[in-house]
Amino acid sequence: MTPDDPAAWLFARTSGGIRWGLERTEELLAGADHPHRRFASVHVAGTNGKGSVSAFCESVLRAALPGRTIGLYTSPHLVSFRERIRIGGRLVDADLLAACEARLRPAIERTGATFFEATTALAFLCFAEAGVDLAVVEVGLGGRLDSTNVIDPLAVAVTNVARDHTEYLGESLEEIAAEKAGVFKPGVPAITAETAPGPLDVLRRRAAEVGAPLTELDREARIGDVSLSLQGTRFRLDSERWGSHEVRIPLIGAHQARNAALAAELLGLLPDDVRPSWEAIERGFAEVRWAGRMQVERVRGGTWIFDVAHNPAGVQALCASLDHVAFDRPLVVIAAILADKAWDEMLPPLLARADAAILTTAPTAPEGRRWDPEQVARSLNAQIPIRVIPDLSAALMRAETMAPYGTVLVTGSVHTVGDALAAQGIPIV
């Protein structure tokens, strides 16, 4: 990243932290002639799975609407900032990104916009300038006051509600659900895959209050006969809208089957002129790529799995997938978790499935949020060998020698997986 790279300048704004409110984002967009009003959108919120659901939707829409330009805005990125903004299935053009950043920079500086506020405005301007017809937009944090909540979408999804970012969203699931329900808008159809009574009741009440027709996934579709392999997931979908189908997706996990089903039902809520056929859904599902989500790679004879699980719910889904796929032993886990995450809950289930583990740090993790792997190792009562190798590159090399024909699992954060993929030279798209 060079000093004149737009991403470098934007990253300097990360010290601004999180500042609630839509007013700065709205001011940035107003100064650029409201680019977010020049394309249609689908809005995806939730604690876990919203990135995968967004990726499924974007892939299907490209398959269904070959004559139209589809955008995808997600966060965070793994390796390159340009991953956050995709147009027509490709990372945003570097020249377009630079031109849009230069146009927005005076207003960003004047308003004191945060990194995510500036990035959201930048994405929407890139979409408008590139002639995007329909964009899938993933919520960054929460929903009600998230910068993306300035759009007027065609349909909305809330994947689920779990504990994460409690310092911003609240301690209880009901408080977190109330923030995520803030994406519901009058007359805009919405769907959720949440099932827990407390948060689900919050979502139902908020939808009723604003007049958003809310669909619940489990009332519309049933998922069965799920089978996993290192090549992907198969399952049966019985849907009120789509009928009964055997579905294959390249993403691995029972949770990905559920994400795919939610994406299919969300897409079914779209207006007739952009609603895909089932054949387009099948094509889009088959072609979806979403790096860092139980991503399997063969590296010099060994199997490597990269997964960005960064909270207890994510680790639970990862472990459920590991329990249902056949992989070569030994299994060596490389973990680097941010200090403010619940690593004491995340590590035990991972270590219970491993033959050995290496605790390390991710070079791109914010310095103030890096854990102390030595201290963490001392706190563990593990039944397997635990090594502490703070340098990630050295940890990767050591793991390869420990499992030359076995399996290495890299997990713990987006920073960890992104840094590992870059070190191994594995492309994101």
Protein backbone atom coordinates (compact mmCIF):
# COMPACT_ATOMS: atom_id res chain seq x y z
CA MET A 1 0.00 0.00 0.00
CA THR A 2 1.57 3.27 -1.12
CA PRO A 3 1.03 6.64 0.61
CA ASP A 4 -1.02 7.95 -2.32
CA ASP A 5 -3.22 4.82 -2.36
CA PRO A 6 -6.82 5.84 -1.51
CA ALA A 7 -6.98 2.95 0.94
CA ALA A 8 -3.89 4.21 2.78
CA TRP A 9 -5.51 7.60 3.37
CA LEU A 10 -8.76 6.01 4.49
CA PHE A 11 -7.02 3.65 6.90
CA ALA A 12 -5.53 6.68 8.64
CA ARG A 13 -9.11 7.44 9.69
CA THR A 14 -9.59 4.19 11.61
CA SER A 15 -8.40 5.96 14.76
CA GLY A 16 -11.72 7.81 14.72
CA GLY A 17 -13.42 4.64 15.94
CA ILE A 18 -17.17 4.19 15.70
CA ARG A 19 -19.44 7.23 15.85
CA TRP A 20 -23.16 6.52 15.78
CA GLY A 21 -25.42 8.45 13.44
CA LEU A 22 -26.24 8.69 9.75
CA GLU A 23 -25.80 12.45 9.38
CA ARG A 24 -22.15 12.39 8.22
CA THR A 25 -22.81 9.65 5.65
CA GLU A 26 -25.86 11.53 4.39
CA GLU A 27 -23.82 14.73 4.09
CA LEU A 28 -21.09 12.98 2.12
CA LEU A 29 -23.65 11.49 -0.26
CA ALA A 30 -25.57 14.75 -0.65
CA GLY A 31 -22.35 16.47 -1.70
CA ALA A 32 -21.88 13.84 -4.42
CA ASP A 33 -25.43 14.22 -5.79
CA HIS A 34 -26.87 11.28 -3.84
CA PRO A 35 -25.19 8.37 -5.68
CA HIS A 36 -27.04 5.80 -3.54
CA ARG A 37 -30.27 6.83 -5.26
CA ARG A 38 -28.90 5.84 -8.68
CA PHE A 39 -29.03 2.07 -8.13
CA ALA A 40 -31.43 -0.42 -6.56
CA SER A 41 -30.26 -2.45 -3.57
CA VAL A 42 -30.70 -5.44 -1.28
CA HIS A 43 -29.71 -4.92 2.37
CA VAL A 44 -28.30 -7.75 4.54
CA ALA A 45 -27.83 -7.46 8.32
CA GLY A 46 -27.13 -9.99 11.08
CA THR A 47 -24.43 -11.18 13.47
CA ASN A 48 -23.09 -14.13 11.50
CA GLY A 49 -23.58 -15.22 7.91
CA LYS A 50 -24.46 -11.85 6.41
CA GLY A 51 -21.35 -11.84 4.24
CA SER A 52 -22.08 -15.32 2.90
CA VAL A 53 -25.74 -14.46 2.27
CA SER A 54 -24.62 -11.32 0.44
CA ALA A 55 -22.18 -13.35 -1.67
CA PHE A 56 -24.88 -15.89 -2.56
CA CYS A 57 -27.26 -13.11 -3.58
CA GLU A 58 -24.68 -11.27 -5.67
CA SER A 59 -23.63 -14.43 -7.51
CA VAL A 60 -27.25 -15.35 -8.28
CA LEU A 61 -28.13 -11.85 -9.49
CA ARG A 62 -25.19 -11.87 -11.89
CA ALA A 63 -26.38 -15.21 -13.24
CA ALA A 64 -29.99 -14.03 -13.48
CA LEU A 65 -29.40 -10.56 -14.94
CA PRO A 66 -26.54 -10.85 -17.46
CA GLY A 67 -27.44 -7.55 -19.09
CA ARG A 68 -27.27 -5.60 -15.85
CA THR A 69 -24.36 -4.59 -13.64
CA ILE A 70 -24.41 -6.00 -10.11
CA GLY A 71 -22.48 -4.51 -7.20
CA LEU A 72 -21.43 -5.99 -3.87
CA TYR A 73 -20.37 -4.03 -0.78
CA THR A 74 -19.04 -6.05 2.17
CA SER A 75 -16.68 -5.65 5.07
CA PRO A 76 -14.10 -6.22 6.27
CA HIS A 77 -11.61 -7.27 3.61
CA LEU A 78 -9.06 -10.06 3.87
CA VAL A 79 -6.09 -8.76 1.88
CA SER A 80 -6.99 -5.83 -0.38
CA PHE A 81 -9.26 -2.90 0.42
CA ARG A 82 -10.74 -3.28 -3.08
CA GLU A 83 -12.40 -6.54 -1.99
CA ARG A 84 -15.00 -4.45 -0.18
CA ILE A 85 -16.36 -2.97 -3.41
CA ARG A 86 -17.04 -5.40 -6.26
CA ILE A 87 -18.64 -4.57 -9.57
CA GLY A 88 -19.66 -7.27 -12.02
CA GLY A 89 -17.92 -9.92 -9.91
CA ARG A 90 -14.58 -8.10 -9.97
CA LEU A 91 -12.75 -5.95 -7.46
CA VAL A 92 -13.44 -2.27 -8.06
CA ASP A 93 -11.16 -0.70 -10.67
CA ALA A 94 -8.24 1.05 -8.96
CA ASP A 95 -8.54 4.17 -11.12
CA LEU A 96 -12.26 4.47 -10.45
CA LEU A 97 -11.62 4.04 -6.73
CA ALA A 98 -8.97 6.77 -6.76
CA ALA A 99 -11.16 9.19 -8.72
CA CYS A 100 -14.13 8.71 -6.40
CA GLU A 101 -11.96 9.06 -3.30
CA ALA A 102 -10.47 12.31 -4.62
CA ARG A 103 -13.98 13.65 -5.20
CA LEU A 104 -15.11 12.77 -1.68
CA ARG A 105 -11.94 13.63 0.23
CA PRO A 106 -12.71 17.33 0.96
CA ALA A 107 -16.12 16.44 2.39
CA ILE A 108 -14.69 13.51 4.37
CA GLU A 109 -12.16 15.85 5.98
CA ARG A 110 -14.72 18.59 6.58
CA THR A 111 -17.27 16.29 8.24
CA GLY A 112 -14.75 14.25 10.22
CA ALA A 113 -16.28 11.07 8.81
CA THR A 114 -15.02 7.79 10.20
CA PHE A 115 -13.33 5.11 8.12
CA PHE A 116 -16.53 3.12 7.61
CA GLU A 117 -18.65 6.20 6.87
CA ALA A 118 -16.13 7.32 4.26
CA THR A 119 -15.82 3.82 2.81
CA THR A 120 -19.59 3.42 2.52
CA ALA A 121 -19.95 6.73 0.68
CA LEU A 122 -17.02 5.76 -1.53
CA ALA A 123 -18.61 2.41 -2.39
CA PHE A 124 -21.93 4.00 -3.31
CA LEU A 125 -20.22 6.61 -5.48
CA CYS A 126 -18.20 3.89 -7.24
CA PHE A 127 -21.40 1.95 -7.89
CA ALA A 128 -23.14 4.99 -9.34
CA GLU A 129 -20.21 6.00 -11.53
CA ALA A 130 -19.80 2.44 -12.83
CA GLY A 131 -23.47 2.22 -13.78
CA VAL A 132 -24.40 -0.44 -11.24
CA ASP A 133 -28.06 -1.39 -11.60
CA LEU A 134 -28.49 -3.41 -8.41
CA ALA A 135 -26.16 -3.69 -5.40
CA VAL A 136 -26.11 -6.14 -2.52
CA VAL A 137 -25.11 -4.17 0.56
CA GLU A 138 -23.91 -5.81 3.76
CA VAL A 139 -24.42 -3.95 7.03
CA GLY A 140 -21.18 -3.12 8.84
CA LEU A 141 -22.27 -3.08 12.50
CA GLY A 142 -25.74 -3.33 13.97
CA GLY A 143 -28.14 -1.77 11.50
CA ARG A 144 -30.17 1.12 12.88
CA LEU A 145 -27.30 3.62 12.85
CA ASP A 146 -24.99 1.79 10.46
CA SER A 147 -23.73 3.94 7.60
CA THR A 148 -25.32 1.63 5.03
CA ASN A 149 -28.78 2.35 6.43
CA VAL A 150 -29.20 5.35 4.15
CA ILE A 151 -30.33 3.17 1.25
CA ASP A 152 -33.94 2.44 0.31
CA PRO A 153 -33.67 -1.25 -0.54
CA LEU A 154 -35.95 -3.55 -2.48
CA ALA A 155 -35.69 -6.22 0.24
CA VAL A 156 -33.96 -6.74 3.59
CA ALA A 157 -32.60 -9.71 5.53
CA VAL A 158 -31.49 -10.14 9.13
CA THR A 159 -29.58 -13.41 9.22
CA ASN A 160 -29.50 -13.99 12.98
CA VAL A 161 -28.79 -12.37 16.32
CA ALA A 162 -25.86 -13.41 18.51
CA ARG A 163 -23.58 -11.72 21.02
CA ASP A 164 -20.86 -9.69 19.33
CA HIS A 165 -19.79 -6.05 19.58
CA THR A 166 -21.70 -5.86 22.86
CA GLU A 167 -19.89 -2.63 23.77
CA TYR A 168 -21.80 -0.96 20.94
CA LEU A 169 -24.97 -2.99 20.47
CA GLY A 170 -25.89 -3.99 24.02
CA GLU A 171 -25.37 -6.97 26.29
CA SER A 172 -28.65 -8.81 25.72
CA LEU A 173 -29.80 -10.53 22.55
CA GLU A 174 -32.94 -8.41 22.65
CA GLU A 175 -30.91 -5.18 22.66
CA ILE A 176 -28.79 -6.43 19.77
CA ALA A 177 -31.90 -7.48 17.84
CA ALA A 178 -33.38 -4.01 18.28
CA GLU A 179 -30.32 -2.47 16.62
CA LYS A 180 -30.42 -4.93 13.73
CA ALA A 181 -34.17 -4.40 13.28
CA GLY A 182 -33.37 -0.78 12.50
CA VAL A 183 -32.89 -1.77 8.85
CA PHE A 184 -36.60 -2.54 8.47
CA LYS A 185 -38.41 0.11 6.43
CA PRO A 186 -42.08 0.80 5.64
CA GLY A 187 -43.39 -1.40 2.87
CA VAL A 188 -40.02 -3.10 2.23
CA PRO A 189 -40.27 -6.91 2.50
CA ALA A 190 -37.91 -8.48 5.03
CA ILE A 191 -36.86 -11.95 6.07
CA THR A 192 -34.96 -13.43 9.00
CA ALA A 193 -33.47 -16.80 9.86
CA GLU A 194 -33.51 -16.04 13.60
CA THR A 195 -35.34 -18.61 15.72
CA ALA A 196 -34.69 -17.70 19.38
CA PRO A 197 -37.95 -16.39 20.90
CA GLY A 198 -36.51 -13.27 22.57
CA PRO A 199 -34.72 -11.64 19.63
CA LEU A 200 -37.31 -12.97 17.15
CA ASP A 201 -40.08 -11.22 19.09
CA VAL A 202 -38.09 -7.97 18.91
CA LEU A 203 -37.73 -8.33 15.14
CA ARG A 204 -41.44 -9.09 14.75
CA ARG A 205 -42.48 -6.07 16.82
CA ARG A 206 -40.22 -3.67 14.99
CA ALA A 207 -41.35 -4.92 11.58
CA ALA A 208 -44.97 -4.45 12.61
CA GLU A 209 -44.27 -0.96 13.97
CA VAL A 210 -42.75 0.30 10.72
CA GLY A 211 -44.99 -1.68 8.38
CA ALA A 212 -42.34 -4.01 6.96
CA PRO A 213 -43.77 -7.39 5.86
CA LEU A 214 -41.57 -9.90 7.75
CA THR A 215 -41.05 -13.48 6.60
CA GLU A 216 -39.46 -16.10 8.84
CA LEU A 217 -37.25 -18.60 7.04
CA ASP A 218 -38.39 -21.66 8.98
CA ARG A 219 -42.02 -20.95 8.12
CA GLU A 220 -41.23 -20.76 4.41
CA ALA A 221 -38.58 -23.42 3.87
CA ARG A 222 -37.17 -26.61 5.30
CA ILE A 223 -33.59 -27.76 4.98
CA GLY A 224 -32.77 -31.45 5.18
CA ASP A 225 -30.42 -34.23 4.13
CA VAL A 226 -27.36 -32.02 4.64
CA SER A 227 -24.08 -33.67 3.72
CA LEU A 228 -20.64 -32.09 3.83
CA SER A 229 -17.32 -32.76 2.17
CA LEU A 230 -14.19 -30.76 1.52
CA GLN A 231 -15.68 -30.01 -1.91
CA GLY A 232 -18.82 -28.32 -0.58
CA THR A 233 -22.30 -28.94 0.80
CA ARG A 234 -25.36 -30.78 -0.47
CA PHE A 235 -28.82 -30.38 0.98
CA ARG A 236 -32.49 -30.65 0.17
CA LEU A 237 -34.54 -27.47 0.13
CA ASP A 238 -38.32 -27.68 0.44
CA SER A 239 -39.64 -24.19 -0.16
CA GLU A 240 -43.14 -22.78 -0.38
CA ARG A 241 -41.90 -20.48 -3.15
CA TRP A 242 -39.34 -22.57 -5.01
CA GLY A 243 -40.57 -26.12 -4.49
CA SER A 244 -38.34 -29.10 -3.64
CA HIS A 245 -34.77 -29.20 -4.92
CA GLU A 246 -31.46 -30.92 -4.32
CA VAL A 247 -28.95 -28.09 -3.88
CA ARG A 248 -25.17 -28.10 -4.18
CA ILE A 249 -22.99 -25.22 -3.03
CA PRO A 250 -19.19 -24.93 -2.93
CA LEU A 251 -19.25 -23.38 0.56
CA ILE A 252 -18.89 -25.89 3.39
CA GLY A 253 -21.14 -26.23 6.41
CA ALA A 254 -24.69 -26.83 7.55
CA HIS A 255 -24.76 -23.12 8.38
CA GLN A 256 -23.97 -22.40 4.73
CA ALA A 257 -26.93 -24.51 3.66
CA ARG A 258 -29.03 -22.28 5.87
CA ASN A 259 -27.37 -19.15 4.47
CA ALA A 260 -28.10 -20.34 0.94
CA ALA A 261 -31.73 -21.05 1.79
CA LEU A 262 -32.08 -17.59 3.32
CA ALA A 263 -30.52 -16.03 0.22
CA ALA A 264 -32.96 -17.91 -2.04
CA GLU A 265 -35.95 -16.75 -0.02
CA LEU A 266 -34.62 -13.17 0.15
CA LEU A 267 -34.22 -13.10 -3.62
CA GLY A 268 -37.77 -14.38 -3.93
CA LEU A 269 -38.97 -11.17 -2.26
CA LEU A 270 -37.62 -9.01 -5.08
CA PRO A 271 -39.88 -7.36 -7.67
CA ASP A 272 -40.73 -9.34 -10.78
CA ASP A 273 -38.27 -7.52 -13.05
CA VAL A 274 -35.24 -8.55 -10.99
CA ARG A 275 -36.47 -11.72 -9.26
CA PRO A 276 -34.33 -14.67 -10.42
CA SER A 277 -35.63 -17.98 -11.68
CA TRP A 278 -34.74 -21.15 -9.79
CA GLU A 279 -32.39 -22.06 -12.65
CA ALA A 280 -30.49 -18.80 -12.08
CA ILE A 281 -30.34 -19.52 -8.35
CA GLU A 282 -28.78 -22.91 -9.05
CA ARG A 283 -26.20 -21.37 -11.40
CA GLY A 284 -25.38 -18.59 -9.00
CA PHE A 285 -25.03 -20.93 -6.05
CA ALA A 286 -22.70 -23.20 -8.02
CA GLU A 287 -20.43 -20.29 -8.90
CA VAL A 288 -20.30 -18.47 -5.56
CA ARG A 289 -16.88 -17.81 -4.06
CA TRP A 290 -16.43 -16.41 -0.57
CA ALA A 291 -12.85 -16.54 0.66
CA GLY A 292 -11.98 -17.32 4.25
CA ARG A 293 -15.16 -19.24 5.03
CA MET A 294 -14.11 -22.86 5.56
CA GLN A 295 -11.93 -22.28 2.50
CA VAL A 296 -10.01 -25.43 1.54
CA GLU A 297 -6.70 -25.25 -0.32
CA ARG A 298 -4.08 -27.81 -1.19
CA VAL A 299 -0.62 -26.54 -0.30
CA ARG A 300 2.42 -28.66 -1.15
CA GLY A 301 0.66 -31.95 -0.49
CA GLY A 302 -1.19 -30.87 2.63
CA THR A 303 -4.72 -29.65 3.23
CA TRP A 304 -5.18 -26.12 4.55
CA ILE A 305 -8.46 -24.72 5.85
CA PHE A 306 -8.93 -20.97 6.33
CA ASP A 307 -11.89 -19.74 8.36
CA VAL A 308 -12.52 -16.25 9.74
CA ALA A 309 -14.50 -17.44 12.80
CA HIS A 310 -14.01 -14.57 15.24
CA ASN A 311 -16.65 -15.13 17.91
CA PRO A 312 -18.09 -18.14 19.78
CA ALA A 313 -20.98 -18.58 17.34
CA GLY A 314 -18.57 -18.59 14.40
CA VAL A 315 -16.35 -21.16 16.09
CA GLN A 316 -19.39 -23.31 16.86
CA ALA A 317 -20.31 -23.36 13.16
CA LEU A 318 -16.71 -24.11 12.18
CA CYS A 319 -16.46 -27.01 14.63
CA ALA A 320 -19.78 -28.43 13.46
CA SER A 321 -18.38 -28.47 9.92
CA LEU A 322 -15.13 -30.10 11.03
CA ASP A 323 -17.14 -32.83 12.75
CA HIS A 324 -18.86 -33.76 9.50
CA VAL A 325 -16.04 -33.75 6.94
CA ALA A 326 -13.24 -36.21 6.45
CA PHE A 327 -9.77 -34.65 6.61
CA ASP A 328 -6.28 -36.05 6.97
CA ARG A 329 -4.62 -36.17 10.36
CA PRO A 330 -2.85 -34.68 12.15
CA LEU A 331 -4.89 -31.50 12.49
CA VAL A 332 -2.80 -28.49 13.52
CA VAL A 333 -4.68 -25.33 14.50
CA ILE A 334 -3.06 -21.94 13.98
CA ALA A 335 -5.00 -19.36 16.00
CA ALA A 336 -4.71 -15.61 16.46
CA ILE A 337 -7.70 -13.95 18.10
CA LEU A 338 -8.20 -10.30 18.96
CA ALA A 339 -7.80 -9.60 22.68
CA ASP A 340 -11.28 -8.12 23.03
CA LYS A 341 -12.95 -11.24 21.66
CA ALA A 342 -14.09 -14.21 23.76
CA TRP A 343 -10.99 -16.30 23.08
CA ASP A 344 -11.54 -18.22 26.33
CA GLU A 345 -14.79 -19.55 24.81
CA MET A 346 -13.44 -19.96 21.29
CA LEU A 347 -10.27 -21.94 21.90
CA PRO A 348 -11.51 -24.97 23.89
CA PRO A 349 -13.74 -26.44 21.15
CA LEU A 350 -11.01 -25.88 18.56
CA LEU A 351 -8.31 -27.50 20.71
CA ALA A 352 -10.62 -30.43 21.50
CA ARG A 353 -10.59 -31.33 17.81
CA ALA A 354 -6.90 -30.70 17.13
CA ASP A 355 -3.76 -32.78 17.52
CA ALA A 356 -1.58 -29.73 18.11
CA ALA A 357 -1.94 -25.95 18.10
CA ILE A 358 0.13 -22.87 17.46
CA LEU A 359 -0.83 -19.53 18.99
CA THR A 360 0.40 -16.53 17.02
CA THR A 361 -0.44 -12.93 16.15
CA ALA A 362 -1.70 -11.37 12.93
CA PRO A 363 0.54 -8.58 11.57
CA THR A 364 -2.39 -6.46 10.39
CA ALA A 365 -4.35 -6.72 13.65
CA PRO A 366 -4.60 -3.34 15.39
CA GLU A 367 -1.76 -3.14 17.86
CA GLY A 368 -4.03 -2.20 20.74
CA ARG A 369 -6.26 -5.24 20.13
CA ARG A 370 -3.63 -7.95 19.77
CA TRP A 371 -3.77 -10.74 22.28
CA ASP A 372 -0.77 -11.97 24.27
CA PRO A 373 -0.36 -15.56 23.03
CA GLU A 374 2.12 -16.41 25.81
CA GLN A 375 -0.37 -15.37 28.47
CA VAL A 376 -3.19 -17.19 26.71
CA ALA A 377 -1.12 -20.38 26.46
CA ARG A 378 -0.39 -20.28 30.20
CA SER A 379 -4.11 -20.02 30.95
CA LEU A 380 -5.05 -23.11 28.95
CA ASN A 381 -5.50 -26.57 30.37
CA ALA A 382 -4.99 -28.25 27.02
CA GLN A 383 -4.47 -31.95 26.42
CA ILE A 384 -2.46 -31.38 23.25
CA PRO A 385 0.90 -29.71 22.52
CA ILE A 386 0.56 -25.90 22.39
CA ARG A 387 3.31 -23.83 20.81
CA VAL A 388 3.60 -20.06 20.88
CA ILE A 389 5.14 -18.57 17.73
CA PRO A 390 4.30 -14.84 17.63
CA ASP A 391 5.50 -14.38 14.05
CA LEU A 392 2.73 -15.58 11.72
CA SER A 393 5.04 -16.49 8.81
CA ALA A 394 7.13 -18.65 11.14
CA ALA A 395 3.96 -20.20 12.56
CA LEU A 396 2.79 -21.15 9.06
CA MET A 397 6.12 -22.77 8.22
CA ARG A 398 6.17 -24.66 11.52
CA ALA A 399 2.64 -25.95 11.01
CA GLU A 400 3.57 -27.28 7.58
CA THR A 401 6.40 -29.30 9.07
CA MET A 402 4.09 -30.62 11.80
CA ALA A 403 1.43 -31.77 9.31
CA PRO A 404 3.13 -32.22 5.92
CA TYR A 405 0.37 -34.53 4.67
CA GLY A 406 -2.21 -33.68 7.29
CA THR A 407 -4.43 -30.64 7.77
CA VAL A 408 -3.70 -27.12 8.98
CA LEU A 409 -6.59 -24.93 10.16
CA VAL A 410 -5.98 -21.16 10.26
CA THR A 411 -8.60 -19.23 12.20
CA GLY A 412 -9.44 -16.64 14.84
CA SER A 413 -10.01 -13.39 12.95
CA VAL A 414 -10.28 -11.78 9.55
CA HIS A 415 -6.78 -10.37 10.08
CA THR A 416 -5.37 -13.84 10.77
CA VAL A 417 -6.89 -15.44 7.70
CA GLY A 418 -6.15 -12.51 5.40
CA ASP A 419 -2.51 -12.34 6.48
CA ALA A 420 -2.14 -16.11 6.10
CA LEU A 421 -3.68 -16.17 2.63
CA ALA A 422 -1.37 -13.35 1.56
CA ALA A 423 1.67 -15.11 3.01
CA GLN A 424 0.76 -18.30 1.15
CA GLY A 425 0.13 -16.43 -2.11
CA ILE A 426 -3.47 -17.64 -2.36
CA PRO A 427 -5.69 -15.25 -4.38
CA ILE A 428 -8.96 -13.95 -2.91
CA VAL A 429 -11.01 -13.86 -6.12
